[in-house]
Amino acid sequence: MARVCDLTGKGAMNGYNVSNSNMKTKRKFYPNLQTKRFFIPEENRWITLKVSTSAIKTINKNGITAVINKFIKKGYV
């Protein structure tokens, strides 16, 4: 299963572990994803999304339908 946010499209980034001797080894930085259920009152049903915590904060601020419509209009979904 991909580690990608369903709404924002945030995914893993590449980087390095840097040791004390400045040796660099590849690593990945993963987004903070949570599986969460949201209730959509217009459709009277629950949906399960894998979203980043920043997307959860945006949903709490603006509402799930407004956020979904905004991301569909921007082309993320």
PDB file of N, CA and C in Angstrom:
ATOM      1  N   MET A   1       0.833  -1.176   0.000  1.00  0.00           N
ATOM      2  CA  MET A   1       0.000   0.000   0.000  1.00  0.00           C
ATOM      3  C   MET A   1       0.881   1.244   0.000  1.00  0.00           C
ATOM      4  N   ALA A   2       0.564   2.187  -0.842  1.00  0.00           N
ATOM      5  CA  ALA A   2       1.397   3.375  -0.978  1.00  0.00           C
ATOM      6  C   ALA A   2       1.248   4.288   0.234  1.00  0.00           C
ATOM      7  N   ARG A   3       2.347   4.907   0.612  1.00  0.00           N
ATOM      8  CA  ARG A   3       2.329   5.855   1.718  1.00  0.00           C
ATOM      9  C   ARG A   3       2.117   7.251   1.157  1.00  0.00           C
ATOM     10  N   VAL A   4       0.893   7.488   0.677  1.00  0.00           N
ATOM     11  CA  VAL A   4       0.539   8.751   0.043  1.00  0.00           C
ATOM     12  C   VAL A   4      -0.792   9.213   0.619  1.00  0.00           C
ATOM     13  N   CYS A   5      -0.886  10.493   0.905  1.00  0.00           N
ATOM     14  CA  CYS A   5      -2.124  11.089   1.410  1.00  0.00           C
ATOM     15  C   CYS A   5      -3.179  11.082   0.303  1.00  0.00           C
ATOM     16  N   ASP A   6      -4.412  10.656   0.636  1.00  0.00           N
ATOM     17  CA  ASP A   6      -5.476  10.587  -0.355  1.00  0.00           C
ATOM     18  C   ASP A   6      -5.912  11.959  -0.842  1.00  0.00           C
ATOM     19  N   LEU A   7      -5.804  12.973  -0.005  1.00  0.00           N
ATOM     20  CA  LEU A   7      -6.261  14.304  -0.392  1.00  0.00           C
ATOM     21  C   LEU A   7      -5.145  15.176  -0.950  1.00  0.00           C
ATOM     22  N   THR A   8      -4.067  15.323  -0.205  1.00  0.00           N
ATOM     23  CA  THR A   8      -3.027  16.270  -0.611  1.00  0.00           C
ATOM     24  C   THR A   8      -1.995  15.662  -1.547  1.00  0.00           C
ATOM     25  N   GLY A   9      -1.884  14.338  -1.573  1.00  0.00           N
ATOM     26  CA  GLY A   9      -0.891  13.692  -2.422  1.00  0.00           C
ATOM     27  C   GLY A   9       0.505  13.690  -1.820  1.00  0.00           C
ATOM     28  N   LYS A  10       0.623  14.043  -0.545  1.00  0.00           N
ATOM     29  CA  LYS A  10       1.936  14.033   0.098  1.00  0.00           C
ATOM     30  C   LYS A  10       2.477  12.611   0.112  1.00  0.00           C
ATOM     31  N   GLY A  11       3.762  12.479  -0.204  1.00  0.00           N
ATOM     32  CA  GLY A  11       4.389  11.170  -0.226  1.00  0.00           C
ATOM     33  C   GLY A  11       5.756  11.214   0.420  1.00  0.00           C
ATOM     34  N   ALA A  12       6.497  10.140   0.281  1.00  0.00           N
ATOM     35  CA  ALA A  12       7.818  10.038   0.892  1.00  0.00           C
ATOM     36  C   ALA A  12       8.812  10.938   0.169  1.00  0.00           C
ATOM     37  N   MET A  13       9.758  11.479   0.946  1.00  0.00           N
ATOM     38  CA  MET A  13      10.847  12.289   0.394  1.00  0.00           C
ATOM     39  C   MET A  13      12.156  11.560   0.656  1.00  0.00           C
ATOM     40  N   ASN A  14      13.139  11.766  -0.213  1.00  0.00           N
ATOM     41  CA  ASN A  14      14.450  11.161  -0.025  1.00  0.00           C
ATOM     42  C   ASN A  14      15.359  12.109   0.730  1.00  0.00           C
ATOM     43  N   GLY A  15      16.306  11.506   1.452  1.00  0.00           N
ATOM     44  CA  GLY A  15      17.283  12.296   2.180  1.00  0.00           C
ATOM     45  C   GLY A  15      18.423  11.405   2.622  1.00  0.00           C
ATOM     46  N   TYR A  16      19.195  11.889   3.575  1.00  0.00           N
ATOM     47  CA  TYR A  16      20.360  11.157   4.055  1.00  0.00           C
ATOM     48  C   TYR A  16      20.363  11.093   5.576  1.00  0.00           C
ATOM     49  N   ASN A  17      20.851   9.960   6.107  1.00  0.00           N
ATOM     50  CA  ASN A  17      21.317   9.915   7.486  1.00  0.00           C
ATOM     51  C   ASN A  17      22.761  10.388   7.455  1.00  0.00           C
ATOM     52  N   VAL A  18      23.100  11.315   8.326  1.00  0.00           N
ATOM     53  CA  VAL A  18      24.463  11.840   8.352  1.00  0.00           C
ATOM     54  C   VAL A  18      25.095  11.455   9.683  1.00  0.00           C
ATOM     55  N   SER A  19      26.197  10.705   9.604  1.00  0.00           N
ATOM     56  CA  SER A  19      26.869  10.252  10.813  1.00  0.00           C
ATOM     57  C   SER A  19      27.791  11.340  11.348  1.00  0.00           C
ATOM     58  N   ASN A  20      28.408  11.050  12.474  1.00  0.00           N
ATOM     59  CA  ASN A  20      29.336  12.000  13.091  1.00  0.00           C
ATOM     60  C   ASN A  20      30.541  12.268  12.187  1.00  0.00           C
ATOM     61  N   SER A  21      30.946  11.260  11.411  1.00  0.00           N
ATOM     62  CA  SER A  21      32.077  11.435  10.502  1.00  0.00           C
ATOM     63  C   SER A  21      31.629  11.983   9.139  1.00  0.00           C
ATOM     64  N   ASN A  22      30.389  12.428   9.056  1.00  0.00           N
ATOM     65  CA  ASN A  22      29.800  13.029   7.862  1.00  0.00           C
ATOM     66  C   ASN A  22      29.612  12.035   6.714  1.00  0.00           C
ATOM     67  N   MET A  23      29.548  10.736   7.037  1.00  0.00           N
ATOM     68  CA  MET A  23      29.180   9.730   6.040  1.00  0.00           C
ATOM     69  C   MET A  23      27.678   9.816   5.823  1.00  0.00           C
ATOM     70  N   LYS A  24      27.251   9.709   4.572  1.00  0.00           N
ATOM     71  CA  LYS A  24      25.838   9.835   4.262  1.00  0.00           C
ATOM     72  C   LYS A  24      25.300   8.514   3.725  1.00  0.00           C
ATOM     73  N   THR A  25      24.173   8.073   4.281  1.00  0.00           N
ATOM     74  CA  THR A  25      23.471   6.902   3.786  1.00  0.00           C
ATOM     75  C   THR A  25      22.039   7.313   3.473  1.00  0.00           C
ATOM     76  N   LYS A  26      21.511   6.763   2.385  1.00  0.00           N
ATOM     77  CA  LYS A  26      20.173   7.135   1.936  1.00  0.00           C
ATOM     78  C   LYS A  26      19.118   6.703   2.948  1.00  0.00           C
ATOM     79  N   ARG A  27      18.066   7.511   3.037  1.00  0.00           N
ATOM     80  CA  ARG A  27      16.918   7.183   3.867  1.00  0.00           C
ATOM     81  C   ARG A  27      15.698   7.861   3.280  1.00  0.00           C
ATOM     82  N   LYS A  28      14.523   7.572   3.829  1.00  0.00           N
ATOM     83  CA  LYS A  28      13.287   8.202   3.382  1.00  0.00           C
ATOM     84  C   LYS A  28      12.616   8.901   4.554  1.00  0.00           C
ATOM     85  N   PHE A  29      11.997  10.026   4.254  1.00  0.00           N
ATOM     86  CA  PHE A  29      11.167  10.736   5.212  1.00  0.00           C
ATOM     87  C   PHE A  29       9.718  10.485   4.812  1.00  0.00           C
ATOM     88  N   TYR A  30       8.949   9.824   5.679  1.00  0.00           N
ATOM     89  CA  TYR A  30       7.570   9.484   5.373  1.00  0.00           C
ATOM     90  C   TYR A  30       6.622  10.518   5.969  1.00  0.00           C
ATOM     91  N   PRO A  31       5.506  10.789   5.295  1.00  0.00           N
ATOM     92  CA  PRO A  31       4.524  11.716   5.863  1.00  0.00           C
ATOM     93  C   PRO A  31       3.794  11.062   7.031  1.00  0.00           C
ATOM     94  N   ASN A  32       3.273  11.888   7.909  1.00  0.00           N
ATOM     95  CA  ASN A  32       2.531  11.395   9.073  1.00  0.00           C
ATOM     96  C   ASN A  32       1.098  11.109   8.633  1.00  0.00           C
ATOM     97  N   LEU A  33       0.849   9.865   8.196  1.00  0.00           N
ATOM     98  CA  LEU A  33      -0.456   9.477   7.670  1.00  0.00           C
ATOM     99  C   LEU A  33      -1.278   8.767   8.724  1.00  0.00           C
ATOM    100  N   GLN A  34      -2.556   9.060   8.740  1.00  0.00           N
ATOM    101  CA  GLN A  34      -3.503   8.433   9.652  1.00  0.00           C
ATOM    102  C   GLN A  34      -4.690   7.937   8.837  1.00  0.00           C
ATOM    103  N   THR A  35      -5.202   6.751   9.182  1.00  0.00           N
ATOM    104  CA  THR A  35      -6.429   6.250   8.574  1.00  0.00           C
ATOM    105  C   THR A  35      -7.587   6.769   9.409  1.00  0.00           C
ATOM    106  N   LYS A  36      -8.493   7.500   8.772  1.00  0.00           N
ATOM    107  CA  LYS A  36      -9.552   8.171   9.520  1.00  0.00           C
ATOM    108  C   LYS A  36     -10.853   8.089   8.752  1.00  0.00           C
ATOM    109  N   ARG A  37     -11.948   7.935   9.501  1.00  0.00           N
ATOM    110  CA  ARG A  37     -13.285   7.914   8.916  1.00  0.00           C
ATOM    111  C   ARG A  37     -13.897   9.302   9.043  1.00  0.00           C
ATOM    112  N   PHE A  38     -14.535   9.750   7.954  1.00  0.00           N
ATOM    113  CA  PHE A  38     -15.207  11.042   7.942  1.00  0.00           C
ATOM    114  C   PHE A  38     -16.655  10.828   7.526  1.00  0.00           C
ATOM    115  N   PHE A  39     -17.567  11.571   8.161  1.00  0.00           N
ATOM    116  CA  PHE A  39     -18.978  11.498   7.809  1.00  0.00           C
ATOM    117  C   PHE A  39     -19.302  12.626   6.849  1.00  0.00           C
ATOM    118  N   ILE A  40     -19.908  12.281   5.703  1.00  0.00           N
ATOM    119  CA  ILE A  40     -20.329  13.272   4.723  1.00  0.00           C
ATOM    120  C   ILE A  40     -21.846  13.417   4.850  1.00  0.00           C
ATOM    121  N   PRO A  41     -22.313  14.535   5.431  1.00  0.00           N
ATOM    122  CA  PRO A  41     -23.758  14.662   5.671  1.00  0.00           C
ATOM    123  C   PRO A  41     -24.586  14.780   4.395  1.00  0.00           C
ATOM    124  N   GLU A  42     -24.023  15.338   3.314  1.00  0.00           N
ATOM    125  CA  GLU A  42     -24.782  15.470   2.075  1.00  0.00           C
ATOM    126  C   GLU A  42     -25.140  14.109   1.485  1.00  0.00           C
ATOM    127  N   GLU A  43     -24.240  13.140   1.628  1.00  0.00           N
ATOM    128  CA  GLU A  43     -24.477  11.799   1.100  1.00  0.00           C
ATOM    129  C   GLU A  43     -24.945  10.838   2.180  1.00  0.00           C
ATOM    130  N   ASN A  44     -24.955  11.299   3.441  1.00  0.00           N
ATOM    131  CA  ASN A  44     -25.392  10.510   4.594  1.00  0.00           C
ATOM    132  C   ASN A  44     -24.624   9.191   4.689  1.00  0.00           C
ATOM    133  N   ARG A  45     -23.286   9.267   4.537  1.00  0.00           N
ATOM    134  CA  ARG A  45     -22.462   8.059   4.623  1.00  0.00           C
ATOM    135  C   ARG A  45     -21.076   8.404   5.150  1.00  0.00           C
ATOM    136  N   TRP A  46     -20.385   7.364   5.576  1.00  0.00           N
ATOM    137  CA  TRP A  46     -19.020   7.476   6.081  1.00  0.00           C
ATOM    138  C   TRP A  46     -18.049   7.097   4.980  1.00  0.00           C
ATOM    139  N   ILE A  47     -16.889   7.787   4.931  1.00  0.00           N
ATOM    140  CA  ILE A  47     -15.820   7.383   4.034  1.00  0.00           C
ATOM    141  C   ILE A  47     -14.547   7.233   4.859  1.00  0.00           C
ATOM    142  N   THR A  48     -13.686   6.321   4.462  1.00  0.00           N
ATOM    143  CA  THR A  48     -12.407   6.101   5.130  1.00  0.00           C
ATOM    144  C   THR A  48     -11.312   6.613   4.219  1.00  0.00           C
ATOM    145  N   LEU A  49     -10.496   7.510   4.752  1.00  0.00           N
ATOM    146  CA  LEU A  49      -9.407   8.099   3.990  1.00  0.00           C
ATOM    147  C   LEU A  49      -8.100   7.923   4.749  1.00  0.00           C
ATOM    148  N   LYS A  50      -7.016   7.780   4.000  1.00  0.00           N
ATOM    149  CA  LYS A  50      -5.677   7.800   4.576  1.00  0.00           C
ATOM    150  C   LYS A  50      -5.120   9.192   4.319  1.00  0.00           C
ATOM    151  N   VAL A  51      -5.123  10.041   5.364  1.00  0.00           N
ATOM    152  CA  VAL A  51      -4.788  11.451   5.190  1.00  0.00           C
ATOM    153  C   VAL A  51      -3.653  11.846   6.120  1.00  0.00           C
ATOM    154  N   SER A  52      -2.917  12.876   5.724  1.00  0.00           N
ATOM    155  CA  SER A  52      -1.861  13.420   6.562  1.00  0.00           C
ATOM    156  C   SER A  52      -2.487  14.233   7.690  1.00  0.00           C
ATOM    157  N   THR A  53      -1.719  14.444   8.745  1.00  0.00           N
ATOM    158  CA  THR A  53      -2.243  15.181   9.886  1.00  0.00           C
ATOM    159  C   THR A  53      -2.518  16.640   9.530  1.00  0.00           C
ATOM    160  N   SER A  54      -1.763  17.199   8.593  1.00  0.00           N
ATOM    161  CA  SER A  54      -2.063  18.566   8.159  1.00  0.00           C
ATOM    162  C   SER A  54      -3.399  18.611   7.420  1.00  0.00           C
ATOM    163  N   ALA A  55      -3.741  17.564   6.666  1.00  0.00           N
ATOM    164  CA  ALA A  55      -5.036  17.511   5.989  1.00  0.00           C
ATOM    165  C   ALA A  55      -6.166  17.359   7.001  1.00  0.00           C
ATOM    166  N   ILE A  56      -5.929  16.611   8.087  1.00  0.00           N
ATOM    167  CA  ILE A  56      -6.937  16.471   9.145  1.00  0.00           C
ATOM    168  C   ILE A  56      -7.211  17.824   9.788  1.00  0.00           C
ATOM    169  N   LYS A  57      -6.160  18.609  10.027  1.00  0.00           N
ATOM    170  CA  LYS A  57      -6.341  19.946  10.601  1.00  0.00           C
ATOM    171  C   LYS A  57      -7.132  20.841   9.654  1.00  0.00           C
ATOM    172  N   THR A  58      -6.873  20.733   8.359  1.00  0.00           N
ATOM    173  CA  THR A  58      -7.606  21.527   7.373  1.00  0.00           C
ATOM    174  C   THR A  58      -9.071  21.113   7.334  1.00  0.00           C
ATOM    175  N   ILE A  59      -9.336  19.797   7.429  1.00  0.00           N
ATOM    176  CA  ILE A  59     -10.712  19.304   7.433  1.00  0.00           C
ATOM    177  C   ILE A  59     -11.438  19.787   8.679  1.00  0.00           C
ATOM    178  N   ASN A  60     -10.775  19.770   9.831  1.00  0.00           N
ATOM    179  CA  ASN A  60     -11.396  20.246  11.065  1.00  0.00           C
ATOM    180  C   ASN A  60     -11.719  21.737  10.980  1.00  0.00           C
ATOM    181  N   LYS A  61     -10.902  22.487  10.287  1.00  0.00           N
ATOM    182  CA  LYS A  61     -11.106  23.936  10.174  1.00  0.00           C
ATOM    183  C   LYS A  61     -12.203  24.283   9.186  1.00  0.00           C
ATOM    184  N   ASN A  62     -12.192  23.653   7.993  1.00  0.00           N
ATOM    185  CA  ASN A  62     -13.076  24.063   6.906  1.00  0.00           C
ATOM    186  C   ASN A  62     -14.254  23.129   6.655  1.00  0.00           C
ATOM    187  N   GLY A  63     -14.204  21.894   7.134  1.00  0.00           N
ATOM    188  CA  GLY A  63     -15.257  20.921   6.859  1.00  0.00           C
ATOM    189  C   GLY A  63     -14.857  19.987   5.730  1.00  0.00           C
ATOM    190  N   ILE A  64     -15.342  18.756   5.799  1.00  0.00           N
ATOM    191  CA  ILE A  64     -14.915  17.715   4.865  1.00  0.00           C
ATOM    192  C   ILE A  64     -15.381  17.996   3.437  1.00  0.00           C
ATOM    193  N   THR A  65     -16.616  18.471   3.249  1.00  0.00           N
ATOM    194  CA  THR A  65     -17.101  18.684   1.887  1.00  0.00           C
ATOM    195  C   THR A  65     -16.381  19.841   1.214  1.00  0.00           C
ATOM    196  N   ALA A  66     -16.101  20.905   1.953  1.00  0.00           N
ATOM    197  CA  ALA A  66     -15.379  22.043   1.367  1.00  0.00           C
ATOM    198  C   ALA A  66     -13.962  21.638   0.981  1.00  0.00           C
ATOM    199  N   VAL A  67     -13.316  20.833   1.820  1.00  0.00           N
ATOM    200  CA  VAL A  67     -11.946  20.411   1.542  1.00  0.00           C
ATOM    201  C   VAL A  67     -11.903  19.478   0.331  1.00  0.00           C
ATOM    202  N   ILE A  68     -12.832  18.535   0.263  1.00  0.00           N
ATOM    203  CA  ILE A  68     -12.866  17.614  -0.874  1.00  0.00           C
ATOM    204  C   ILE A  68     -13.126  18.380  -2.169  1.00  0.00           C
ATOM    205  N   ASN A  69     -14.066  19.324  -2.142  1.00  0.00           N
ATOM    206  CA  ASN A  69     -14.357  20.111  -3.344  1.00  0.00           C
ATOM    207  C   ASN A  69     -13.157  20.948  -3.765  1.00  0.00           C
ATOM    208  N   LYS A  70     -12.428  21.508  -2.781  1.00  0.00           N
ATOM    209  CA  LYS A  70     -11.256  22.316  -3.102  1.00  0.00           C
ATOM    210  C   LYS A  70     -10.161  21.468  -3.748  1.00  0.00           C
ATOM    211  N   PHE A  71      -9.912  20.273  -3.208  1.00  0.00           N
ATOM    212  CA  PHE A  71      -8.864  19.420  -3.749  1.00  0.00           C
ATOM    213  C   PHE A  71      -9.252  18.841  -5.094  1.00  0.00           C
ATOM    214  N   ILE A  72     -10.561  18.608  -5.326  1.00  0.00           N
ATOM    215  CA  ILE A  72     -10.997  18.145  -6.645  1.00  0.00           C
ATOM    216  C   ILE A  72     -10.794  19.254  -7.677  1.00  0.00           C
ATOM    217  N   LYS A  73     -11.120  20.500  -7.295  1.00  0.00           N
ATOM    218  CA  LYS A  73     -10.953  21.627  -8.222  1.00  0.00           C
ATOM    219  C   LYS A  73      -9.493  21.879  -8.539  1.00  0.00           C
ATOM    220  N   LYS A  74      -8.601  21.665  -7.558  1.00  0.00           N
ATOM    221  CA  LYS A  74      -7.165  21.853  -7.800  1.00  0.00           C
ATOM    222  C   LYS A  74      -6.547  20.689  -8.553  1.00  0.00           C
ATOM    223  N   GLY A  75      -7.246  19.546  -8.591  1.00  0.00           N
ATOM    224  CA  GLY A  75      -6.762  18.408  -9.347  1.00  0.00           C
ATOM    225  C   GLY A  75      -5.973  17.403  -8.538  1.00  0.00           C
ATOM    226  N   TYR A  76      -6.016  17.500  -7.193  1.00  0.00           N
ATOM    227  CA  TYR A  76      -5.282  16.549  -6.364  1.00  0.00           C
ATOM    228  C   TYR A  76      -6.010  15.223  -6.264  1.00  0.00           C
ATOM    229  N   VAL A  77      -7.334  15.233  -6.344  1.00  0.00           N
ATOM    230  CA  VAL A  77      -8.116  14.000  -6.184  1.00  0.00           C
ATOM    231  C   VAL A  77      -8.649  13.584  -7.527  1.00  0.00           C
TER     232      VAL A  77
END
